[in-house]
Amino acid sequence: MAQQETQQETQERADVDEVFRVETHGIDPIPDAERHGGAKDLFWLWFGSNLTFTYVINGALAVAFGLSFWQATAVVVLSALSFFAISAAGLSGIRTGTATLVISRAAFGTRGNFPAGVLNWVVSIGYTIVNTVVGTLALELLLAQSGLADGKAARALALAVTLVLTFAVTLWGHATVQFAERWAAYVLAAGFGALLVFVLPGADTSAAPAAAPGLSGWSLAFVVMLAGPFSYLPMPADYTRYLPRTTSLKSITWTGALGGIVSSVALGVAGVAAATQTDMTDAVAGAEGLLPGWFRPLFLFLVLGGSVTNSIITLYSSGLNLQVLGIPWSRARALGISGAVTAAGSLAALFLADFTTSLLSFLSLLIIVFAPWGGVFLADMLMRRCHYDADALHAGCRGAYWYRSGYHPAGMTALLAGLVFAALTCDSELWTGPLVAPLGGADLTLFGSVVSGLVYWALARRSLPAHAPAA
């Protein structure tokens, strides 16, 4: 008996979510006894992870699409408000104690969730690659300027360092991720604050574009700016599943949203301001040219740090995603697959393709996947008022979310409708939908979420109460 108690105590200590201890939980529900923290933790998570140079690039792209300073700034601010929806979606994690892509089984069915899970994993890895490449390019430039390395050797070394920093924190897991995001936020906020001080005063706020941006310019700007927040839709519960059940919707919505809004707006506006002063085709080099010489090495460290903090949360969630897809490994082992694919993709982006073109193409196509998926997931969450049968989410064919042979017809139909609409109205380097020209060049892929959400509501509004437990 004493030996059994000792073994149980050892297991309980191993399961504790602590900094610099490898997290043992994956998508399994977090027991109430192991839950900890508060809503304020979400502020630092979303604030730190969004202090990434990608938003500077996105803000510059808005100007490249023909928008003036104030028009582009309006797009940056309005797009950032979507963090309220992202943060509110975290309530599902508090209620169920599991990851977002487990909870989405309620909307798509246990088997129907699989293709959506594959698509989300691919896109999340793609976004990790984008951030890894941005950080690598910054570190490569720093190595070259310092004389430590040059050419392909500098790029390879920079990529290795960026990947190691990202993977090490992610491997330790949830507690270490939150710890790293908080402390990185202190440093990055000070550094990017200085960047704003240097860049913003020189912005040309009075110049009007040579030609009106039109529907095409406006829509593309919104697509690019919303790509960042929308990419988090499969993740909110991953970072709220450890919070106590008593944590309120209001508290997590406001704290998480404010974190994402403050950082994304500040850096997005910095990108807009920089684009009115210099050529931002090579965004890192363009922004660096606006800074005093003594600050330039620090700026490159900021770009690297911001890229790593953003990559950490997307790579962490990708490990949970693989468990959802049925990889019979622990979270830490499954993470190795995501890490290997990220490394391979980053190598290809850095050595085999033009990065600026690849970035624009990727961000333009990102919404085709995330908008319709998010529309269904958020509609399902609202209709259920975030009440799920937590056991049924993990019960497979024995649970309420098996529906018809593992597929929820309403969820699959709505997702397909949204994907078709988004594909027909997408305007990107890789694909232009047949409806773009009749619409005057407008890219309406964002409305794929509205289409999928409305279709899901129409098909599922009478059946959902049978699958949702009483409040």
Protein backbone atom coordinates (compact mmCIF):
# COMPACT_ATOMS: atom_id res chain seq x y z
CA MET A 1 0.00 0.00 0.00
CA ALA A 2 2.77 2.43 0.94
CA GLN A 3 4.57 1.63 -2.33
CA GLN A 4 1.38 2.32 -4.33
CA GLU A 5 0.91 5.67 -2.56
CA THR A 6 4.53 6.61 -3.30
CA GLN A 7 4.07 5.77 -6.99
CA GLN A 8 0.87 7.84 -7.09
CA GLU A 9 2.60 10.82 -5.45
CA THR A 10 5.49 10.53 -7.93
CA GLN A 11 3.06 10.54 -10.87
CA GLU A 12 1.20 13.56 -9.45
CA ARG A 13 4.49 15.47 -9.12
CA ALA A 14 5.39 14.53 -12.71
CA ASP A 15 2.08 15.91 -13.95
CA VAL A 16 2.55 19.31 -12.32
CA ASP A 17 2.70 22.09 -14.93
CA GLU A 18 5.95 23.82 -13.98
CA VAL A 19 8.51 26.00 -15.75
CA PHE A 20 11.46 24.08 -17.28
CA ARG A 21 9.80 20.73 -16.66
CA VAL A 22 8.60 18.79 -19.69
CA GLU A 23 4.81 18.91 -19.74
CA THR A 24 3.26 15.44 -19.57
CA HIS A 25 -0.27 16.39 -20.58
CA GLY A 26 -1.34 16.57 -24.18
CA ILE A 27 -4.94 16.67 -25.37
CA ASP A 28 -6.14 14.67 -22.36
CA PRO A 29 -8.45 16.75 -20.09
CA ILE A 30 -6.62 18.71 -17.40
CA PRO A 31 -7.92 17.64 -13.96
CA ASP A 32 -9.33 20.40 -11.75
CA ALA A 33 -6.66 19.72 -9.12
CA GLU A 34 -3.90 20.60 -11.60
CA ARG A 35 -5.44 23.81 -12.92
CA HIS A 36 -3.85 27.11 -12.01
CA GLY A 37 -3.24 30.68 -13.12
CA GLY A 38 -5.63 33.47 -14.04
CA ALA A 39 -6.93 35.53 -16.93
CA LYS A 40 -4.03 37.99 -16.64
CA ASP A 41 -1.71 35.24 -17.91
CA LEU A 42 -3.50 35.48 -21.26
CA PHE A 43 -2.60 39.14 -21.62
CA TRP A 44 1.11 38.34 -21.54
CA LEU A 45 0.68 35.29 -23.78
CA TRP A 46 -1.09 37.18 -26.58
CA PHE A 47 0.88 40.39 -26.03
CA GLY A 48 4.27 38.69 -26.16
CA SER A 49 3.49 36.32 -29.00
CA ASN A 50 2.25 39.16 -31.21
CA LEU A 51 5.31 41.36 -30.73
CA THR A 52 6.49 39.98 -34.03
CA PHE A 53 7.97 41.77 -37.02
CA THR A 54 5.40 40.05 -39.23
CA TYR A 55 2.91 42.78 -38.30
CA VAL A 56 5.39 45.42 -39.47
CA ILE A 57 5.56 43.60 -42.81
CA ASN A 58 1.76 43.37 -42.98
CA GLY A 59 1.36 47.08 -42.26
CA ALA A 60 3.84 47.87 -45.03
CA LEU A 61 1.94 45.62 -47.43
CA ALA A 62 -1.25 47.59 -46.77
CA VAL A 63 0.52 50.69 -48.08
CA ALA A 64 1.87 48.69 -51.04
CA PHE A 65 -1.73 47.87 -51.97
CA GLY A 66 -2.35 51.58 -52.50
CA LEU A 67 -3.69 52.75 -49.13
CA SER A 68 -2.67 56.05 -47.54
CA PHE A 69 -1.21 56.24 -44.04
CA TRP A 70 -4.57 56.83 -42.37
CA GLN A 71 -6.40 54.28 -44.50
CA ALA A 72 -3.80 51.60 -43.76
CA THR A 73 -3.87 52.51 -40.06
CA ALA A 74 -7.65 52.07 -40.01
CA VAL A 75 -7.23 48.59 -41.51
CA VAL A 76 -4.63 47.74 -38.85
CA VAL A 77 -6.89 48.85 -35.98
CA LEU A 78 -10.12 47.28 -37.28
CA SER A 79 -8.39 43.99 -38.01
CA ALA A 80 -6.94 43.86 -34.50
CA LEU A 81 -10.45 43.91 -33.00
CA SER A 82 -10.80 40.30 -34.15
CA PHE A 83 -8.70 39.36 -31.12
CA PHE A 84 -11.89 39.71 -29.06
CA ALA A 85 -13.32 36.68 -30.86
CA ILE A 86 -10.05 34.77 -30.62
CA SER A 87 -9.78 35.39 -26.89
CA ALA A 88 -13.44 34.61 -26.17
CA ALA A 89 -13.03 31.24 -27.88
CA GLY A 90 -10.72 30.29 -25.00
CA LEU A 91 -13.75 29.73 -22.76
CA SER A 92 -14.20 26.35 -24.45
CA GLY A 93 -10.84 25.28 -23.03
CA ILE A 94 -11.81 26.31 -19.51
CA ARG A 95 -15.06 24.34 -19.76
CA THR A 96 -13.52 21.15 -21.20
CA GLY A 97 -9.88 21.20 -20.11
CA THR A 98 -8.70 20.18 -23.58
CA ALA A 99 -7.35 21.62 -26.83
CA THR A 100 -9.30 23.60 -29.43
CA LEU A 101 -8.97 20.95 -32.12
CA VAL A 102 -10.47 18.37 -29.79
CA ILE A 103 -13.40 20.67 -29.05
CA SER A 104 -14.02 21.18 -32.78
CA ARG A 105 -15.06 17.52 -32.95
CA ALA A 106 -18.40 18.79 -31.68
CA ALA A 107 -18.83 20.87 -34.85
CA PHE A 108 -17.45 18.45 -37.45
CA GLY A 109 -17.75 14.99 -35.87
CA THR A 110 -14.90 12.82 -34.63
CA ARG A 111 -13.89 11.70 -38.11
CA GLY A 112 -15.04 14.86 -39.85
CA ASN A 113 -12.65 16.80 -37.67
CA PHE A 114 -9.71 14.96 -39.24
CA PRO A 115 -9.49 16.80 -42.61
CA ALA A 116 -10.02 20.14 -40.87
CA GLY A 117 -7.29 19.14 -38.42
CA VAL A 118 -4.90 18.31 -41.26
CA LEU A 119 -5.57 21.64 -42.97
CA ASN A 120 -5.09 23.56 -39.72
CA TRP A 121 -1.84 21.74 -38.98
CA VAL A 122 -0.48 22.53 -42.45
CA VAL A 123 -1.36 26.21 -42.17
CA SER A 124 -0.06 26.56 -38.60
CA ILE A 125 3.25 25.00 -39.68
CA GLY A 126 3.26 27.41 -42.62
CA TYR A 127 2.92 30.37 -40.30
CA THR A 128 5.70 28.99 -38.10
CA ILE A 129 7.90 28.79 -41.17
CA VAL A 130 7.11 32.41 -42.06
CA ASN A 131 8.20 33.61 -38.63
CA THR A 132 11.24 31.35 -38.59
CA VAL A 133 12.40 32.79 -41.92
CA VAL A 134 11.90 36.39 -40.74
CA GLY A 135 13.96 35.71 -37.62
CA THR A 136 16.62 33.91 -39.61
CA LEU A 137 17.02 36.78 -42.07
CA ALA A 138 17.44 39.24 -39.20
CA LEU A 139 20.06 37.11 -37.46
CA GLU A 140 21.85 36.49 -40.76
CA LEU A 141 22.13 40.22 -41.32
CA LEU A 142 23.47 40.70 -37.79
CA LEU A 143 26.08 37.98 -38.28
CA ALA A 144 27.17 39.51 -41.57
CA GLN A 145 27.45 43.02 -40.12
CA SER A 146 29.46 41.78 -37.17
CA GLY A 147 31.84 39.85 -39.42
CA LEU A 148 31.18 36.52 -37.69
CA ALA A 149 29.82 34.80 -40.80
CA ASP A 150 28.68 35.64 -44.30
CA GLY A 151 26.77 34.18 -47.25
CA LYS A 152 25.13 30.78 -47.01
CA ALA A 153 27.09 29.88 -43.89
CA ALA A 154 25.59 32.84 -42.03
CA ARG A 155 22.09 31.96 -43.20
CA ALA A 156 22.47 28.31 -42.18
CA LEU A 157 23.83 29.24 -38.75
CA ALA A 158 21.06 31.80 -38.25
CA LEU A 159 18.41 29.24 -39.14
CA ALA A 160 19.88 26.69 -36.71
CA VAL A 161 19.91 29.19 -33.83
CA THR A 162 16.33 30.32 -34.54
CA LEU A 163 15.04 26.74 -34.65
CA VAL A 164 16.83 25.74 -31.45
CA LEU A 165 15.45 28.71 -29.50
CA THR A 166 11.93 27.96 -30.68
CA PHE A 167 12.01 24.21 -30.23
CA ALA A 168 13.60 24.22 -26.76
CA VAL A 169 10.86 26.34 -25.17
CA THR A 170 8.10 24.49 -26.99
CA LEU A 171 9.43 21.11 -25.90
CA TRP A 172 9.19 22.03 -22.20
CA GLY A 173 5.53 22.84 -22.70
CA HIS A 174 2.71 25.01 -21.39
CA ALA A 175 4.22 26.55 -18.24
CA THR A 176 7.53 27.33 -19.92
CA VAL A 177 5.75 28.79 -22.95
CA GLN A 178 3.81 31.20 -20.74
CA PHE A 179 6.92 32.05 -18.74
CA ALA A 180 8.95 32.75 -21.88
CA GLU A 181 6.21 34.86 -23.46
CA ARG A 182 5.87 37.04 -20.36
CA TRP A 183 9.58 37.76 -19.93
CA ALA A 184 10.18 38.18 -23.65
CA ALA A 185 7.30 40.65 -23.71
CA TYR A 186 9.08 42.95 -21.23
CA VAL A 187 12.18 43.15 -23.42
CA LEU A 188 10.44 43.23 -26.78
CA ALA A 189 7.91 45.86 -25.71
CA ALA A 190 10.70 48.23 -24.71
CA GLY A 191 12.60 47.62 -27.92
CA PHE A 192 9.65 47.91 -30.28
CA GLY A 193 8.52 50.99 -28.36
CA ALA A 194 11.84 52.58 -29.28
CA LEU A 195 11.27 51.49 -32.89
CA LEU A 196 7.99 53.43 -32.92
CA VAL A 197 9.72 56.50 -31.53
CA PHE A 198 12.26 56.40 -34.38
CA VAL A 199 9.89 55.52 -37.24
CA LEU A 200 6.57 57.23 -36.48
CA PRO A 201 7.67 60.93 -36.50
CA GLY A 202 8.91 60.65 -40.08
CA ALA A 203 5.73 59.11 -41.45
CA ASP A 204 4.15 60.89 -44.41
CA THR A 205 0.59 61.21 -43.14
CA SER A 206 -0.57 63.78 -45.70
CA ALA A 207 0.35 62.11 -48.96
CA ALA A 208 -2.51 60.62 -50.93
CA PRO A 209 -1.96 57.54 -53.13
CA ALA A 210 -1.52 58.19 -56.85
CA ALA A 211 -4.76 56.29 -57.49
CA ALA A 212 -7.58 55.22 -55.23
CA PRO A 213 -6.92 51.72 -53.86
CA GLY A 214 -10.36 50.48 -54.88
CA LEU A 215 -12.02 47.33 -53.59
CA SER A 216 -9.00 45.26 -54.53
CA GLY A 217 -6.57 47.29 -52.40
CA TRP A 218 -8.87 47.48 -49.40
CA SER A 219 -9.80 43.80 -49.47
CA LEU A 220 -6.22 42.60 -49.87
CA ALA A 221 -5.10 44.81 -47.00
CA PHE A 222 -7.75 43.33 -44.71
CA VAL A 223 -6.92 39.78 -45.80
CA VAL A 224 -3.23 40.26 -44.98
CA MET A 225 -3.87 42.01 -41.64
CA LEU A 226 -6.48 39.47 -40.52
CA ALA A 227 -4.31 36.52 -41.47
CA GLY A 228 -2.43 36.82 -38.16
CA PRO A 229 -5.42 36.82 -35.78
CA PHE A 230 -7.30 34.22 -37.84
CA SER A 231 -4.34 31.86 -37.68
CA TYR A 232 -4.93 31.60 -33.91
CA LEU A 233 -8.49 30.27 -34.22
CA PRO A 234 -7.42 26.63 -33.69
CA MET A 235 -5.39 27.58 -30.58
CA PRO A 236 -7.22 29.59 -27.84
CA ALA A 237 -8.25 26.61 -25.73
CA ASP A 238 -4.71 25.23 -25.85
CA TYR A 239 -3.71 28.06 -23.50
CA THR A 240 -6.83 28.25 -21.33
CA ARG A 241 -7.26 24.55 -20.57
CA TYR A 242 -5.15 24.88 -17.41
CA LEU A 243 -7.20 27.79 -16.02
CA PRO A 244 -9.67 27.07 -13.17
CA ARG A 245 -13.29 26.49 -14.20
CA THR A 246 -14.32 29.60 -12.25
CA THR A 247 -12.43 31.88 -14.68
CA SER A 248 -15.01 34.15 -16.33
CA LEU A 249 -15.67 34.74 -20.03
CA LYS A 250 -15.43 38.51 -19.53
CA SER A 251 -12.02 38.33 -17.90
CA ILE A 252 -10.39 36.08 -20.50
CA THR A 253 -11.98 37.98 -23.40
CA TRP A 254 -10.75 41.40 -22.34
CA THR A 255 -7.29 40.45 -21.08
CA GLY A 256 -6.41 38.24 -24.02
CA ALA A 257 -7.85 40.63 -26.60
CA LEU A 258 -6.05 43.66 -25.17
CA GLY A 259 -2.75 41.80 -25.29
CA GLY A 260 -3.15 40.96 -28.97
CA ILE A 261 -4.57 44.35 -29.93
CA VAL A 262 -1.87 46.48 -28.29
CA SER A 263 1.05 44.64 -29.84
CA SER A 264 -0.43 44.05 -33.32
CA VAL A 265 -1.65 47.64 -33.68
CA ALA A 266 1.63 49.16 -32.50
CA LEU A 267 3.74 47.10 -34.90
CA GLY A 268 1.24 47.32 -37.74
CA VAL A 269 1.29 51.12 -37.53
CA ALA A 270 5.08 51.03 -37.44
CA GLY A 271 5.01 49.11 -40.71
CA VAL A 272 2.58 51.61 -42.23
CA ALA A 273 4.78 54.53 -41.14
CA ALA A 274 7.93 52.90 -42.48
CA ALA A 275 6.32 52.17 -45.85
CA THR A 276 5.54 55.88 -46.36
CA GLN A 277 9.25 56.69 -45.98
CA THR A 278 11.22 53.94 -47.68
CA ASP A 279 11.07 50.86 -49.89
CA MET A 280 9.86 47.95 -47.72
CA THR A 281 10.24 45.20 -50.32
CA ASP A 282 12.94 43.84 -48.03
CA ALA A 283 11.14 44.82 -44.83
CA VAL A 284 13.99 44.11 -42.39
CA ALA A 285 16.55 46.09 -44.41
CA GLY A 286 14.03 48.84 -45.15
CA ALA A 287 13.09 49.40 -41.52
CA GLU A 288 16.71 49.17 -40.42
CA GLY A 289 17.63 52.01 -42.75
CA LEU A 290 15.29 54.35 -40.83
CA LEU A 291 17.03 53.74 -37.51
CA PRO A 292 20.12 55.32 -35.94
CA GLY A 293 23.26 53.27 -36.33
CA TRP A 294 23.62 52.38 -32.65
CA PHE A 295 20.11 50.90 -32.54
CA ARG A 296 20.36 48.71 -35.63
CA PRO A 297 21.94 45.65 -33.95
CA LEU A 298 19.31 45.83 -31.21
CA PHE A 299 16.60 46.08 -33.87
CA LEU A 300 17.77 42.86 -35.49
CA PHE A 301 17.64 41.11 -32.11
CA LEU A 302 14.06 42.39 -31.75
CA VAL A 303 13.09 40.89 -35.08
CA LEU A 304 14.63 37.57 -34.06
CA GLY A 305 13.00 37.61 -30.61
CA GLY A 306 9.56 38.48 -31.96
CA SER A 307 9.75 35.74 -34.55
CA VAL A 308 10.69 33.17 -31.93
CA THR A 309 7.93 34.16 -29.48
CA ASN A 310 5.30 33.86 -32.21
CA SER A 311 6.69 30.58 -33.51
CA ILE A 312 6.65 29.11 -30.01
CA ILE A 313 2.87 29.19 -29.59
CA THR A 314 2.09 27.99 -33.12
CA LEU A 315 4.60 25.15 -32.88
CA TYR A 316 3.31 24.16 -29.43
CA SER A 317 -0.25 23.94 -30.72
CA SER A 318 0.87 21.95 -33.76
CA GLY A 319 2.11 19.22 -31.42
CA LEU A 320 -1.33 18.98 -29.81
CA ASN A 321 -2.85 19.02 -33.29
CA LEU A 322 -0.92 15.90 -34.27
CA GLN A 323 -2.29 14.11 -31.22
CA VAL A 324 -5.79 15.09 -32.35
CA LEU A 325 -5.01 13.53 -35.73
CA GLY A 326 -4.21 10.25 -34.00
CA ILE A 327 -0.41 10.24 -33.65
CA PRO A 328 -0.01 7.74 -30.77
CA TRP A 329 2.82 9.64 -29.13
CA SER A 330 3.23 12.03 -26.26
CA ARG A 331 2.96 15.75 -26.96
CA ALA A 332 6.74 16.13 -26.75
CA ARG A 333 7.44 13.32 -29.22
CA ALA A 334 4.75 14.46 -31.63
CA LEU A 335 6.34 17.89 -31.55
CA GLY A 336 9.39 16.39 -33.25
CA ILE A 337 7.36 15.91 -36.45
CA SER A 338 6.27 19.55 -36.49
CA GLY A 339 9.82 20.65 -35.77
CA ALA A 340 11.25 18.60 -38.64
CA VAL A 341 8.67 19.88 -41.13
CA THR A 342 9.26 23.46 -39.97
CA ALA A 343 13.00 23.06 -40.49
CA ALA A 344 12.52 21.59 -43.97
CA GLY A 345 10.05 24.30 -44.99
CA SER A 346 12.30 27.05 -43.69
CA LEU A 347 15.25 25.65 -45.65
CA ALA A 348 13.15 25.68 -48.82
CA ALA A 349 11.90 29.23 -48.21
CA LEU A 350 15.39 30.54 -47.50
CA PHE A 351 17.40 28.76 -50.18
CA LEU A 352 14.95 27.82 -52.96
CA ALA A 353 12.30 30.59 -53.22
CA ASP A 354 11.84 34.36 -53.19
CA PHE A 355 10.66 35.03 -49.67
CA THR A 356 8.66 38.21 -50.25
CA THR A 357 6.57 36.58 -52.99
CA SER A 358 6.14 33.43 -50.92
CA LEU A 359 4.99 35.43 -47.89
CA LEU A 360 2.38 37.38 -49.83
CA SER A 361 1.08 34.22 -51.52
CA PHE A 362 0.89 32.35 -48.23
CA LEU A 363 -0.95 35.10 -46.35
CA SER A 364 -3.40 35.55 -49.21
CA LEU A 365 -4.30 31.85 -49.20
CA LEU A 366 -4.35 31.53 -45.42
CA ILE A 367 -7.87 32.88 -45.05
CA ILE A 368 -9.29 30.28 -47.47
CA VAL A 369 -8.72 27.68 -44.78
CA PHE A 370 -9.09 29.57 -41.52
CA ALA A 371 -12.10 31.74 -42.35
CA PRO A 372 -14.57 28.91 -43.16
CA TRP A 373 -13.23 26.65 -40.39
CA GLY A 374 -13.46 29.50 -37.89
CA GLY A 375 -16.98 30.37 -39.01
CA VAL A 376 -18.23 26.87 -38.25
CA PHE A 377 -16.31 26.55 -34.98
CA LEU A 378 -17.42 29.92 -33.62
CA ALA A 379 -21.02 29.38 -34.72
CA ASP A 380 -21.05 26.00 -32.96
CA MET A 381 -19.53 27.51 -29.83
CA LEU A 382 -22.09 30.33 -29.73
CA MET A 383 -25.03 28.02 -30.37
CA ARG A 384 -23.95 25.70 -27.56
CA ARG A 385 -22.99 28.67 -25.34
CA CYS A 386 -19.71 26.86 -24.80
CA HIS A 387 -21.36 23.88 -23.08
CA TYR A 388 -19.86 20.60 -24.26
CA ASP A 389 -19.95 17.00 -23.12
CA ALA A 390 -16.26 16.87 -22.24
CA ASP A 391 -16.20 13.06 -21.98
CA ALA A 392 -17.89 12.64 -25.36
CA LEU A 393 -15.16 14.69 -27.04
CA HIS A 394 -12.74 11.83 -26.28
CA ALA A 395 -15.20 8.92 -26.56
CA GLY A 396 -15.00 8.25 -30.29
CA CYS A 397 -17.84 6.13 -31.65
CA ARG A 398 -19.31 5.80 -28.15
CA GLY A 399 -19.85 9.53 -27.72
CA ALA A 400 -22.49 12.06 -28.73
CA TYR A 401 -20.18 13.67 -31.27
CA TRP A 402 -19.90 10.60 -33.49
CA TYR A 403 -23.03 11.70 -35.39
CA ARG A 404 -23.27 9.73 -38.68
CA SER A 405 -20.35 7.35 -39.01
CA GLY A 406 -18.13 9.94 -37.33
CA TYR A 407 -19.19 12.90 -39.46
CA HIS A 408 -21.46 15.82 -38.59
CA PRO A 409 -23.29 16.53 -41.85
CA ALA A 410 -24.10 20.12 -40.88
CA GLY A 411 -20.48 20.94 -40.01
CA MET A 412 -18.99 19.30 -43.09
CA THR A 413 -21.52 20.90 -45.44
CA ALA A 414 -20.98 24.34 -43.91
CA LEU A 415 -17.20 24.00 -44.11
CA LEU A 416 -17.37 22.97 -47.76
CA ALA A 417 -19.69 25.89 -48.57
CA GLY A 418 -17.30 28.34 -46.93
CA LEU A 419 -14.24 26.87 -48.65
CA VAL A 420 -15.93 27.04 -52.06
CA PHE A 421 -16.96 30.66 -51.52
CA ALA A 422 -13.50 31.62 -50.30
CA ALA A 423 -11.80 29.89 -53.23
CA LEU A 424 -14.11 31.56 -55.76
CA THR A 425 -13.38 35.03 -54.36
CA CYS A 426 -9.67 34.69 -53.52
CA ASP A 427 -7.13 36.95 -55.21
CA SER A 428 -3.57 35.79 -54.59
CA GLU A 429 -0.31 35.13 -56.40
CA LEU A 430 -1.06 31.41 -56.48
CA TRP A 431 -4.78 31.44 -57.20
CA THR A 432 -7.34 33.92 -58.46
CA GLY A 433 -10.97 32.91 -58.14
CA PRO A 434 -13.34 33.30 -61.10
CA LEU A 435 -15.51 35.77 -59.20
CA VAL A 436 -12.70 38.26 -58.47
CA ALA A 437 -12.91 40.04 -61.84
CA PRO A 438 -16.73 40.43 -61.80
CA LEU A 439 -16.41 41.85 -58.27
CA GLY A 440 -14.05 44.58 -59.46
CA GLY A 441 -10.93 42.87 -58.15
CA ALA A 442 -12.21 42.52 -54.58
CA ASP A 443 -10.91 39.63 -52.46
CA LEU A 444 -13.85 38.43 -50.35
CA THR A 445 -12.29 35.34 -48.82
CA LEU A 446 -12.95 36.75 -45.33
CA PHE A 447 -16.65 36.32 -45.92
CA GLY A 448 -16.07 32.59 -46.18
CA SER A 449 -16.46 32.60 -42.39
CA VAL A 450 -19.84 34.32 -42.63
CA VAL A 451 -21.03 31.87 -45.29
CA SER A 452 -19.92 28.79 -43.34
CA GLY A 453 -21.30 30.15 -40.06
CA LEU A 454 -24.72 30.94 -41.52
CA VAL A 455 -24.94 27.59 -43.33
CA TYR A 456 -24.04 25.79 -40.11
CA TRP A 457 -26.65 27.74 -38.14
CA ALA A 458 -29.33 26.94 -40.70
CA LEU A 459 -28.52 23.22 -40.73
CA ALA A 460 -27.75 22.59 -37.05
CA ARG A 461 -29.96 24.98 -35.06
CA ARG A 462 -32.59 22.33 -34.29
CA SER A 463 -30.27 19.42 -33.53
CA LEU A 464 -27.59 20.96 -31.32
CA PRO A 465 -29.56 20.98 -28.04
CA ALA A 466 -29.67 17.19 -28.20
CA HIS A 467 -25.87 17.05 -28.07
CA ALA A 468 -25.19 19.85 -25.59
CA PRO A 469 -25.48 19.11 -21.86
CA ALA A 470 -27.54 21.40 -19.72
CA ALA A 471 -25.82 24.48 -18.40
